[in-house]
C-alpha atoms as a PDB file:
ATOM      1  CA  MET A   1       5.388   7.598  20.127  1.00  0.00           C
ATOM      2  CA  CYS A   2       4.656   4.998  18.437  1.00  0.00           C
ATOM      3  CA  TYR A   3       0.522   5.879  19.935  1.00  0.00           C
ATOM      4  CA  LYS A   4       1.113   9.362  18.577  1.00  0.00           C
ATOM      5  CA  PHE A   5       2.391   7.699  14.795  1.00  0.00           C
ATOM      6  CA  ILE A   6      -0.682   5.851  14.297  1.00  0.00           C
ATOM      7  CA  GLU A   7      -2.065   8.938  14.760  1.00  0.00           C
ATOM      8  CA  TYR A   8      -1.615  10.123  12.464  1.00  0.00           C
ATOM      9  CA  MET A   9      -1.347   7.231   9.928  1.00  0.00           C
ATOM     10  CA  ILE A  10      -4.991   6.982  10.691  1.00  0.00           C
ATOM     11  CA  HIS A  11      -5.039  10.599   9.345  1.00  0.00           C
ATOM     12  CA  ASP A  12      -3.993   9.956   6.218  1.00  0.00           C
ATOM     13  CA  GLU A  13      -0.937  11.785   7.280  1.00  0.00           C
ATOM     14  CA  THR A  14       2.352  11.944   5.412  1.00  0.00           C
ATOM     15  CA  LEU A  15       6.068  10.272   6.418  1.00  0.00           C
ATOM     16  CA  LYS A  16       7.563  13.970   6.125  1.00  0.00           C
ATOM     17  CA  ALA A  17       4.526  16.340   8.682  1.00  0.00           C
ATOM     18  CA  ILE A  18       5.167  13.042  11.163  1.00  0.00           C
ATOM     19  CA  GLN A  19       8.401  13.207  11.555  1.00  0.00           C
ATOM     20  CA  ASP A  20       8.502  17.279  12.044  1.00  0.00           C
ATOM     21  CA  TYR A  21       5.243  16.192  14.195  1.00  0.00           C
ATOM     22  CA  ILE A  22       6.955  13.568  16.363  1.00  0.00           C
ATOM     23  CA  HIS A  23      10.829  13.819  15.803  1.00  0.00           C
ATOM     24  CA  ILE A  24      11.452  11.127  14.422  1.00  0.00           C
ATOM     25  CA  SER A  25      14.508  10.501  11.589  1.00  0.00           C
ATOM     26  CA  SER A  26      13.625   9.891   7.649  1.00  0.00           C
ATOM     27  CA  ARG A  27      14.168   6.039   8.306  1.00  0.00           C
ATOM     28  CA  THR A  28      12.334   5.744  11.191  1.00  0.00           C
ATOM     29  CA  ALA A  29       9.298   7.155   9.824  1.00  0.00           C
ATOM     30  CA  TYR A  30       9.735   4.544   6.690  1.00  0.00           C
ATOM     31  CA  ILE A  31      10.071   1.572   8.657  1.00  0.00           C
ATOM     32  CA  TRP A  32       7.956   2.374  10.934  1.00  0.00           C
ATOM     33  CA  ARG A  33       4.829   2.686   8.225  1.00  0.00           C
ATOM     34  CA  LEU A  34       5.880  -0.626   6.647  1.00  0.00           C
ATOM     35  CA  LYS A  35       5.222  -2.288  10.641  1.00  0.00           C
ATOM     36  CA  PHE A  36       2.312  -1.045  10.859  1.00  0.00           C
ATOM     37  CA  TYR A  37       0.905  -1.456   6.508  1.00  0.00           C
ATOM     38  CA  LYS A  38       1.756  -5.292   7.332  1.00  0.00           C
ATOM     39  CA  CYS A  39       0.287  -5.934  10.538  1.00  0.00           C
ATOM     40  CA  PHE A  40      -3.177  -3.855   9.075  1.00  0.00           C
ATOM     41  CA  SER A  41      -2.661  -6.281   6.443  1.00  0.00           C
ATOM     42  CA  LYS A  42      -3.565  -9.048   8.835  1.00  0.00           C
ATOM     43  CA  TYR A  43      -5.933  -7.784  10.826  1.00  0.00           C
ATOM     44  CA  THR A  44      -7.950  -6.726   7.738  1.00  0.00           C
ATOM     45  CA  GLU A  45      -7.515 -10.414   6.328  1.00  0.00           C
ATOM     46  CA  ASN A  46     -10.720 -11.685   7.544  1.00  0.00           C
ATOM     47  CA  ILE A  47     -12.818  -9.062   7.622  1.00  0.00           C
ATOM     48  CA  MET A  48     -15.821  -9.246   5.861  1.00  0.00           C
ATOM     49  CA  LEU A  49     -17.822  -6.058   4.853  1.00  0.00           C
ATOM     50  CA  GLN A  50     -21.888  -5.956   5.175  1.00  0.00           C
ATOM     51  CA  GLY A  51     -24.222  -3.296   4.700  1.00  0.00           C
ATOM     52  CA  VAL A  52     -23.594   0.294   2.271  1.00  0.00           C
ATOM     53  CA  VAL A  53     -19.954   0.336   2.204  1.00  0.00           C
ATOM     54  CA  TRP A  54     -18.145   3.490   1.553  1.00  0.00           C
ATOM     55  CA  THR A  55     -14.319   2.947  -1.022  1.00  0.00           C
ATOM     56  CA  ASN A  56     -11.686   5.831  -2.278  1.00  0.00           C
ATOM     57  CA  GLU A  57     -10.854   4.859  -5.597  1.00  0.00           C
ATOM     58  CA  ALA A  58      -7.306   3.670  -6.882  1.00  0.00           C
ATOM     59  CA  HIS A  59      -5.048   3.732  -9.854  1.00  0.00           C
ATOM     60  CA  VAL A  60      -2.497   2.022 -11.480  1.00  0.00           C
ATOM     61  CA  SER A  61      -1.358   2.179 -14.691  1.00  0.00           C
ATOM     62  CA  VAL A  62      -1.616   0.387 -17.496  1.00  0.00           C
ATOM     63  CA  SER A  63       1.319  -1.028 -19.702  1.00  0.00           C
ATOM     64  CA  LEU A  64       3.071   0.993 -22.528  1.00  0.00           C
ATOM     65  CA  ASP A  65       1.081  -1.560 -25.015  1.00  0.00           C
ATOM     66  CA  ASN A  66      -2.211  -0.549 -22.941  1.00  0.00           C
ATOM     67  CA  ILE A  67      -1.624   3.145 -23.216  1.00  0.00           C
ATOM     68  CA  ILE A  68      -5.349   4.681 -25.354  1.00  0.00           C
ATOM     69  CA  ARG A  69      -4.193   7.443 -27.815  1.00  0.00           C
ATOM     70  CA  ILE A  70      -5.974   9.493 -30.607  1.00  0.00           C
ATOM     71  CA  ASN A  71      -3.913  10.750 -33.517  1.00  0.00           C
ATOM     72  CA  ASN A  72      -1.108   8.927 -31.434  1.00  0.00           C
ATOM     73  CA  ASN A  73      -1.205  11.628 -29.089  1.00  0.00           C
ATOM     74  CA  LYS A  74      -1.694   9.625 -25.230  1.00  0.00           C
ATOM     75  CA  LEU A  75      -4.988  11.500 -23.822  1.00  0.00           C
ATOM     76  CA  LYS A  76      -5.535  13.326 -20.694  1.00  0.00           C
ATOM     77  CA  GLY A  77      -6.922  12.739 -17.269  1.00  0.00           C
ATOM     78  CA  ILE A  78      -5.315  10.046 -14.423  1.00  0.00           C
ATOM     79  CA  SER A  79      -8.948   8.093 -15.800  1.00  0.00           C
ATOM     80  CA  ILE A  80      -7.761   7.435 -19.336  1.00  0.00           C
ATOM     81  CA  ASN A  81      -5.248   5.888 -19.310  1.00  0.00           C
ATOM     82  CA  GLN A  82      -5.265   4.392 -15.644  1.00  0.00           C
ATOM     83  CA  ILE A  83      -7.568   1.562 -14.034  1.00  0.00           C
ATOM     84  CA  LYS A  84      -9.610   1.044 -11.264  1.00  0.00           C
ATOM     85  CA  LYS A  85      -7.452  -1.459  -8.635  1.00  0.00           C
END
């Protein structure tokens, strides 16, 4: 069952979908996900990438003081008021 969980995590399944696929509780799925990320983060600490590397973008919200506004209206769009991580 644990191997199936890891397989679904690698393929970006939601926790709800994983719960349904392998018949585990939401609490178990949540705890396993935390353990998976903790383990994976330790694994990737010392990896050195070479050659062409493709990555996905992650965006982080900026503070309320730094939100871009025009005529006192907040602009729309994911990258307008968020920064790439």
